[in-house]
Protein backbone atom coordinates (compact mmCIF):
# COMPACT_ATOMS: atom_id res chain seq x y z
CA VAL A 1 0.00 0.00 0.00
CA GLN A 2 1.34 3.43 -0.99
CA LEU A 3 -0.17 6.71 0.10
CA GLN A 4 0.44 10.18 -1.30
CA GLU A 5 -0.94 13.38 0.21
CA SER A 6 -1.55 16.58 -1.70
CA GLY A 7 -3.41 19.83 -1.31
CA GLY A 8 -1.46 21.47 1.48
CA GLY A 9 -0.48 25.10 1.39
CA SER A 10 -0.84 28.44 3.10
CA VAL A 11 -4.16 29.98 3.97
CA GLN A 12 -5.40 32.80 6.14
CA SER A 13 -7.28 32.20 9.35
CA GLY A 14 -10.91 31.42 8.63
CA GLY A 15 -10.09 29.93 5.26
CA SER A 16 -10.46 26.42 3.88
CA LEU A 17 -8.30 23.74 2.33
CA THR A 18 -8.98 20.27 1.01
CA LEU A 19 -6.33 17.61 1.34
CA SER A 20 -6.24 14.48 -0.78
CA CYS A 21 -4.74 11.10 -0.02
CA ALA A 22 -4.28 8.94 -3.10
CA ALA A 23 -3.89 5.27 -2.30
CA SER A 24 -2.48 2.49 -4.41
CA GLY A 25 -1.97 -1.18 -3.76
CA ARG A 26 -4.30 -3.62 -2.01
CA LEU A 27 -6.18 -1.07 0.06
CA THR A 28 -9.97 -1.50 -0.06
CA SER A 29 -12.88 0.47 1.36
CA SER A 30 -12.94 -1.81 4.40
CA TRP A 31 -9.55 -0.52 5.44
CA CYS A 32 -9.35 2.31 7.92
CA VAL A 33 -7.78 5.46 6.47
CA GLY A 34 -6.88 8.21 8.87
CA TRP A 35 -5.61 11.75 8.74
CA PHE A 36 -3.04 12.84 11.29
CA ARG A 37 -1.13 16.02 11.91
CA GLN A 38 2.05 17.03 13.62
CA PRO A 39 2.20 20.66 14.75
CA PRO A 40 5.62 22.29 15.12
CA GLY A 41 7.41 20.93 18.18
CA LYS A 42 4.60 18.51 19.05
CA GLY A 43 3.74 14.88 18.58
CA ARG A 44 1.57 13.34 15.91
CA GLU A 45 -2.15 13.41 16.63
CA GLY A 46 -5.19 11.88 15.03
CA VAL A 47 -7.59 14.18 13.19
CA ALA A 48 -10.15 12.03 11.38
CA SER A 49 -10.65 8.54 10.05
CA ILE A 50 -12.98 6.64 7.76
CA ARG A 51 -13.84 3.02 7.21
CA ARG A 52 -16.57 1.05 5.47
CA PRO A 53 -17.34 -2.29 7.08
CA SER A 54 -19.06 -4.83 4.86
CA TYR A 55 -22.60 -3.99 3.78
CA THR A 56 -22.71 -0.66 5.63
CA SER A 57 -22.16 2.98 4.86
CA ASP A 58 -18.95 4.81 5.76
CA LEU A 59 -18.07 5.21 9.40
CA ARG A 60 -16.37 8.51 10.17
CA PHE A 61 -14.55 9.54 13.32
CA TYR A 62 -13.16 12.92 14.31
CA ALA A 63 -10.98 14.43 16.99
CA LYS A 64 -12.97 16.73 19.25
CA ASP A 65 -11.27 19.94 18.19
CA VAL A 66 -12.00 19.44 14.48
CA LYS A 67 -15.35 17.67 14.54
CA ASP A 68 -17.44 20.66 13.48
CA ARG A 69 -14.89 22.05 11.02
CA PHE A 70 -13.34 19.11 9.17
CA THR A 71 -15.00 16.51 6.96
CA ILE A 72 -13.44 13.26 5.83
CA SER A 73 -14.75 11.50 2.75
CA ARG A 74 -13.60 9.00 0.15
CA ASP A 75 -13.99 8.29 -3.53
CA ASN A 76 -13.77 4.53 -3.73
CA ALA A 77 -13.63 4.49 -7.51
CA LYS A 78 -10.51 6.66 -7.47
CA ASN A 79 -9.17 5.30 -4.17
CA ILE A 80 -8.78 8.81 -2.77
CA VAL A 81 -9.60 9.99 0.75
CA TYR A 82 -10.24 13.69 1.25
CA LEU A 83 -10.05 15.96 4.26
CA GLN A 84 -12.09 19.12 3.84
CA MET A 85 -10.90 21.67 6.40
CA ASP A 86 -12.99 24.77 7.08
CA SER A 87 -12.70 27.67 9.54
CA LEU A 88 -8.98 27.10 9.86
CA THR A 89 -7.01 28.73 12.66
CA SER A 90 -3.32 29.03 13.42
CA GLU A 91 -3.74 26.04 15.75
CA ASP A 92 -4.31 23.90 12.64
CA THR A 93 -0.82 24.64 11.31
CA ALA A 94 0.95 21.30 10.98
CA ILE A 95 2.26 18.66 8.66
CA TYR A 96 -0.71 16.51 7.70
CA TYR A 97 -0.31 12.80 7.04
CA CYS A 98 -2.66 10.14 5.83
CA ALA A 99 -2.27 6.58 7.00
CA ALA A 100 -3.98 3.25 6.45
CA SER A 101 -4.64 0.13 8.45
CA ALA A 102 -6.31 -3.11 7.42
CA ALA A 103 -7.61 -3.90 10.90
CA PRO A 104 -6.95 -1.38 13.65
CA SER A 105 -7.69 -2.80 17.08
CA SER A 106 -10.06 0.06 17.87
CA GLY A 107 -12.01 -0.49 14.67
CA CYS A 108 -10.84 2.92 13.39
CA SER A 109 -12.53 4.99 16.11
CA THR A 110 -9.60 6.15 18.24
CA ILE A 111 -7.36 7.42 15.39
CA ARG A 112 -4.15 6.40 17.17
CA PRO A 113 -0.93 6.59 15.18
CA ASP A 114 0.34 3.26 16.54
CA GLU A 115 -2.60 1.45 14.92
CA PHE A 116 -1.58 2.43 11.40
CA GLY A 117 1.18 0.72 9.48
CA TYR A 118 1.15 2.55 6.17
CA TRP A 119 1.94 6.25 5.95
CA GLY A 120 2.30 8.95 3.36
CA GLN A 121 5.08 11.53 3.30
CA GLY A 122 2.94 14.38 4.60
CA THR A 123 1.87 17.77 3.33
CA GLN A 124 2.39 21.11 5.06
CA VAL A 125 -0.58 23.25 6.07
CA THR A 126 0.16 26.75 7.32
CA VAL A 127 -2.57 29.02 8.64
CA SER A 128 -1.67 32.64 9.19
CA SER A 129 -3.66 35.01 11.37
């Protein structure tokens, strides 16, 4: 499984960005795909995740501080997972990574970095006030 992020950049506070994570390899919609970020000088933290168990619709999970501002979605035909980020603040400045896991122990809900074995290279998001 290979993952490639794109869509990062610089934006003013209050603005929006959409990140994309293009996946290749044996990843399917049943896999958990998560977005993480690493702010300057801090550790990596989970932002959002998505998974589609068999015969159900997508399950989406969000960190508390982004739940009402970020939206994760996927295009299964293109094997791309998106992260729409609205109402951005300087606190959202970070390197953003996407990651994938075939079977995270939490079922995708806790968005913990140690549950994901495949990672992209990251894309920088900078929000200026």
